[in-house]
N, C-alpha and C. Protein backbone atom coordinates (compact mmCIF):
# COMPACT_ATOMS: atom_id res chain seq x y z
N MET A 1 -4.37 45.89 20.80
CA MET A 1 -4.78 44.55 21.21
C MET A 1 -3.86 43.52 20.58
N ASN A 2 -3.64 42.47 21.33
CA ASN A 2 -2.78 41.38 20.87
C ASN A 2 -3.47 40.06 21.21
N PRO A 3 -4.52 39.69 20.45
CA PRO A 3 -5.30 38.50 20.80
C PRO A 3 -4.53 37.21 20.55
N ALA A 4 -4.93 36.19 21.31
CA ALA A 4 -4.31 34.87 21.17
C ALA A 4 -5.33 33.80 21.50
N ARG A 5 -5.02 32.61 21.02
CA ARG A 5 -5.87 31.42 21.25
C ARG A 5 -4.97 30.30 21.71
N VAL A 6 -5.39 29.58 22.75
CA VAL A 6 -4.64 28.42 23.21
C VAL A 6 -5.56 27.20 23.19
N GLU A 7 -5.02 26.10 22.71
CA GLU A 7 -5.72 24.82 22.73
C GLU A 7 -4.92 23.89 23.62
N VAL A 8 -5.59 23.24 24.56
CA VAL A 8 -4.92 22.43 25.57
C VAL A 8 -5.52 21.03 25.61
N PHE A 9 -4.66 20.03 25.61
CA PHE A 9 -5.08 18.64 25.78
C PHE A 9 -4.27 18.07 26.94
N VAL A 10 -4.97 17.65 27.99
CA VAL A 10 -4.33 17.16 29.20
C VAL A 10 -4.56 15.66 29.32
N GLU A 11 -3.49 14.92 29.55
CA GLU A 11 -3.57 13.46 29.69
C GLU A 11 -3.25 13.05 31.12
N PRO A 12 -3.79 11.98 31.64
CA PRO A 12 -4.50 10.95 30.89
C PRO A 12 -5.93 11.37 30.55
N PHE A 13 -6.37 10.92 29.39
CA PHE A 13 -7.72 11.19 28.91
C PHE A 13 -8.66 10.12 29.45
N ARG A 14 -9.76 10.57 30.04
CA ARG A 14 -10.79 9.66 30.52
C ARG A 14 -12.13 10.17 30.01
N GLU A 15 -12.74 9.43 29.11
CA GLU A 15 -14.01 9.86 28.52
C GLU A 15 -15.07 10.05 29.59
N ASN A 16 -15.74 11.21 29.54
CA ASN A 16 -16.82 11.59 30.47
C ASN A 16 -16.36 11.71 31.92
N ASP A 17 -15.05 11.75 32.16
CA ASP A 17 -14.53 11.90 33.52
C ASP A 17 -13.22 12.68 33.44
N PRO A 18 -13.31 14.02 33.37
CA PRO A 18 -12.10 14.79 33.12
C PRO A 18 -11.05 14.69 34.22
N GLY A 19 -11.42 14.43 35.43
CA GLY A 19 -10.45 14.29 36.50
C GLY A 19 -9.88 15.63 36.96
N PRO A 20 -9.23 15.62 38.12
CA PRO A 20 -8.72 16.87 38.70
C PRO A 20 -7.60 17.51 37.88
N HIS A 21 -6.86 16.71 37.13
CA HIS A 21 -5.78 17.27 36.31
C HIS A 21 -6.33 18.12 35.16
N VAL A 22 -7.50 17.74 34.65
CA VAL A 22 -8.14 18.53 33.59
C VAL A 22 -8.87 19.73 34.18
N THR A 23 -9.59 19.53 35.26
CA THR A 23 -10.31 20.66 35.85
C THR A 23 -9.35 21.72 36.37
N ALA A 24 -8.16 21.33 36.79
CA ALA A 24 -7.15 22.31 37.21
C ALA A 24 -6.74 23.17 36.02
N ALA A 25 -6.60 22.56 34.85
CA ALA A 25 -6.24 23.30 33.64
C ALA A 25 -7.33 24.29 33.27
N VAL A 26 -8.56 23.84 33.27
CA VAL A 26 -9.68 24.71 32.92
C VAL A 26 -9.81 25.85 33.92
N SER A 27 -9.64 25.55 35.19
CA SER A 27 -9.71 26.59 36.22
C SER A 27 -8.64 27.65 36.03
N ALA A 28 -7.44 27.25 35.65
CA ALA A 28 -6.36 28.22 35.41
C ALA A 28 -6.74 29.18 34.29
N LEU A 29 -7.36 28.67 33.26
CA LEU A 29 -7.78 29.51 32.14
C LEU A 29 -8.92 30.44 32.55
N GLU A 30 -9.88 29.90 33.27
CA GLU A 30 -11.03 30.69 33.71
C GLU A 30 -10.61 31.74 34.73
N ASP A 31 -9.70 31.38 35.64
CA ASP A 31 -9.22 32.33 36.64
C ASP A 31 -8.49 33.51 36.00
N ALA A 32 -7.90 33.29 34.83
CA ALA A 32 -7.24 34.37 34.09
C ALA A 32 -8.25 35.19 33.28
N GLU A 33 -9.53 34.86 33.43
CA GLU A 33 -10.63 35.54 32.75
C GLU A 33 -10.53 35.44 31.23
N LEU A 34 -10.03 34.28 30.76
CA LEU A 34 -10.02 34.01 29.33
C LEU A 34 -11.38 33.41 28.96
N SER A 35 -11.78 33.62 27.73
CA SER A 35 -13.00 32.99 27.21
C SER A 35 -12.66 31.53 26.96
N THR A 36 -13.33 30.62 27.69
CA THR A 36 -12.93 29.21 27.70
C THR A 36 -14.06 28.31 27.24
N ASP A 37 -13.71 27.32 26.40
CA ASP A 37 -14.67 26.33 25.92
C ASP A 37 -14.05 24.95 26.10
N MET A 38 -14.59 24.18 27.04
CA MET A 38 -14.09 22.82 27.31
C MET A 38 -14.80 21.85 26.39
N GLY A 39 -14.05 21.25 25.48
CA GLY A 39 -14.60 20.29 24.54
C GLY A 39 -14.35 18.87 25.00
N PRO A 40 -14.77 17.90 24.22
CA PRO A 40 -14.63 16.49 24.62
C PRO A 40 -13.17 16.01 24.61
N PHE A 41 -12.32 16.64 23.83
CA PHE A 41 -10.92 16.19 23.75
C PHE A 41 -9.94 17.28 24.13
N ALA A 42 -10.29 18.53 23.93
CA ALA A 42 -9.39 19.64 24.23
C ALA A 42 -10.20 20.82 24.74
N THR A 43 -9.51 21.71 25.41
CA THR A 43 -10.10 22.96 25.87
C THR A 43 -9.45 24.09 25.09
N VAL A 44 -10.28 25.03 24.64
CA VAL A 44 -9.80 26.18 23.89
C VAL A 44 -10.12 27.44 24.69
N ALA A 45 -9.16 28.36 24.75
CA ALA A 45 -9.39 29.62 25.43
C ALA A 45 -8.81 30.75 24.58
N THR A 46 -9.43 31.91 24.66
CA THR A 46 -8.97 33.08 23.93
C THR A 46 -8.87 34.27 24.87
N GLY A 47 -7.96 35.16 24.51
CA GLY A 47 -7.77 36.38 25.29
C GLY A 47 -6.54 37.10 24.79
N GLU A 48 -6.06 38.05 25.58
CA GLU A 48 -4.84 38.77 25.24
C GLU A 48 -3.64 37.85 25.41
N LEU A 49 -2.65 37.99 24.53
CA LEU A 49 -1.49 37.11 24.53
C LEU A 49 -0.81 37.05 25.90
N ASP A 50 -0.58 38.18 26.54
CA ASP A 50 0.07 38.17 27.86
C ASP A 50 -0.76 37.40 28.88
N ASP A 51 -2.08 37.51 28.81
CA ASP A 51 -2.95 36.79 29.73
C ASP A 51 -2.91 35.28 29.45
N VAL A 52 -2.87 34.91 28.18
CA VAL A 52 -2.78 33.51 27.80
C VAL A 52 -1.47 32.91 28.31
N ILE A 53 -0.36 33.62 28.11
CA ILE A 53 0.94 33.13 28.57
C ILE A 53 0.96 32.96 30.09
N GLY A 54 0.42 33.92 30.80
CA GLY A 54 0.36 33.82 32.26
C GLY A 54 -0.51 32.66 32.71
N ALA A 55 -1.64 32.46 32.05
CA ALA A 55 -2.54 31.37 32.41
C ALA A 55 -1.90 30.01 32.13
N VAL A 56 -1.15 29.91 31.04
CA VAL A 56 -0.50 28.64 30.69
C VAL A 56 0.52 28.25 31.75
N THR A 57 1.23 29.21 32.29
CA THR A 57 2.20 28.92 33.36
C THR A 57 1.49 28.30 34.56
N VAL A 58 0.40 28.91 34.97
CA VAL A 58 -0.38 28.38 36.10
C VAL A 58 -0.98 27.03 35.74
N LEU A 59 -1.50 26.91 34.53
CA LEU A 59 -2.11 25.67 34.05
C LEU A 59 -1.12 24.51 34.14
N LEU A 60 0.09 24.71 33.66
CA LEU A 60 1.09 23.64 33.68
C LEU A 60 1.39 23.19 35.11
N ARG A 61 1.64 24.14 35.98
CA ARG A 61 1.96 23.79 37.38
C ARG A 61 0.80 23.08 38.07
N SER A 62 -0.41 23.63 37.92
CA SER A 62 -1.55 23.06 38.65
C SER A 62 -1.99 21.72 38.07
N SER A 63 -1.93 21.56 36.76
CA SER A 63 -2.34 20.29 36.15
C SER A 63 -1.38 19.16 36.49
N PHE A 64 -0.09 19.43 36.44
CA PHE A 64 0.88 18.40 36.82
C PHE A 64 0.76 18.07 38.31
N ALA A 65 0.53 19.08 39.14
CA ALA A 65 0.35 18.83 40.57
C ALA A 65 -0.89 18.00 40.84
N ALA A 66 -1.90 18.10 39.96
CA ALA A 66 -3.15 17.36 40.12
C ALA A 66 -3.13 15.99 39.44
N GLY A 67 -1.99 15.60 38.86
CA GLY A 67 -1.88 14.25 38.33
C GLY A 67 -1.74 14.11 36.82
N ALA A 68 -1.58 15.20 36.09
CA ALA A 68 -1.41 15.09 34.64
C ALA A 68 -0.12 14.33 34.31
N ASP A 69 -0.18 13.50 33.28
CA ASP A 69 1.00 12.79 32.78
C ASP A 69 1.64 13.56 31.63
N ALA A 70 0.82 14.24 30.83
CA ALA A 70 1.30 14.99 29.67
C ALA A 70 0.30 16.10 29.36
N ILE A 71 0.83 17.20 28.82
CA ILE A 71 -0.01 18.33 28.42
C ILE A 71 0.46 18.80 27.05
N GLN A 72 -0.48 18.85 26.12
CA GLN A 72 -0.19 19.38 24.78
C GLN A 72 -0.80 20.76 24.66
N LEU A 73 -0.02 21.71 24.15
CA LEU A 73 -0.48 23.09 23.99
C LEU A 73 -0.25 23.55 22.56
N ARG A 74 -1.15 24.36 22.09
CA ARG A 74 -0.96 25.07 20.83
C ARG A 74 -1.43 26.49 21.06
N ILE A 75 -0.54 27.44 20.86
CA ILE A 75 -0.87 28.85 21.04
C ILE A 75 -0.72 29.56 19.71
N GLU A 76 -1.75 30.31 19.35
CA GLU A 76 -1.74 31.08 18.10
C GLU A 76 -2.01 32.54 18.42
N ARG A 77 -1.26 33.41 17.79
CA ARG A 77 -1.53 34.85 17.92
C ARG A 77 -2.52 35.27 16.85
N GLY A 78 -3.29 36.32 17.19
CA GLY A 78 -4.16 36.91 16.19
C GLY A 78 -5.48 36.24 15.98
N SER A 79 -5.92 35.38 16.89
CA SER A 79 -7.21 34.70 16.75
C SER A 79 -8.30 35.44 17.48
């Protein structure tokens, strides 16, 4: 096993209104069957490293296509 954790912050940030750019990011993580927790400022997902990397690729494309201005990512192995 090669576990990993990704934390994602998608901008623009709108309190209580995540918008399609954020929901696209969350959907990419969920579609990859990662364990996902959408928080008030960032979304965290865990799974196998290869699955996280694949999901991040889809997340970037779909979030920018849905109107994201910026995306911050932090990926850690072994979580």
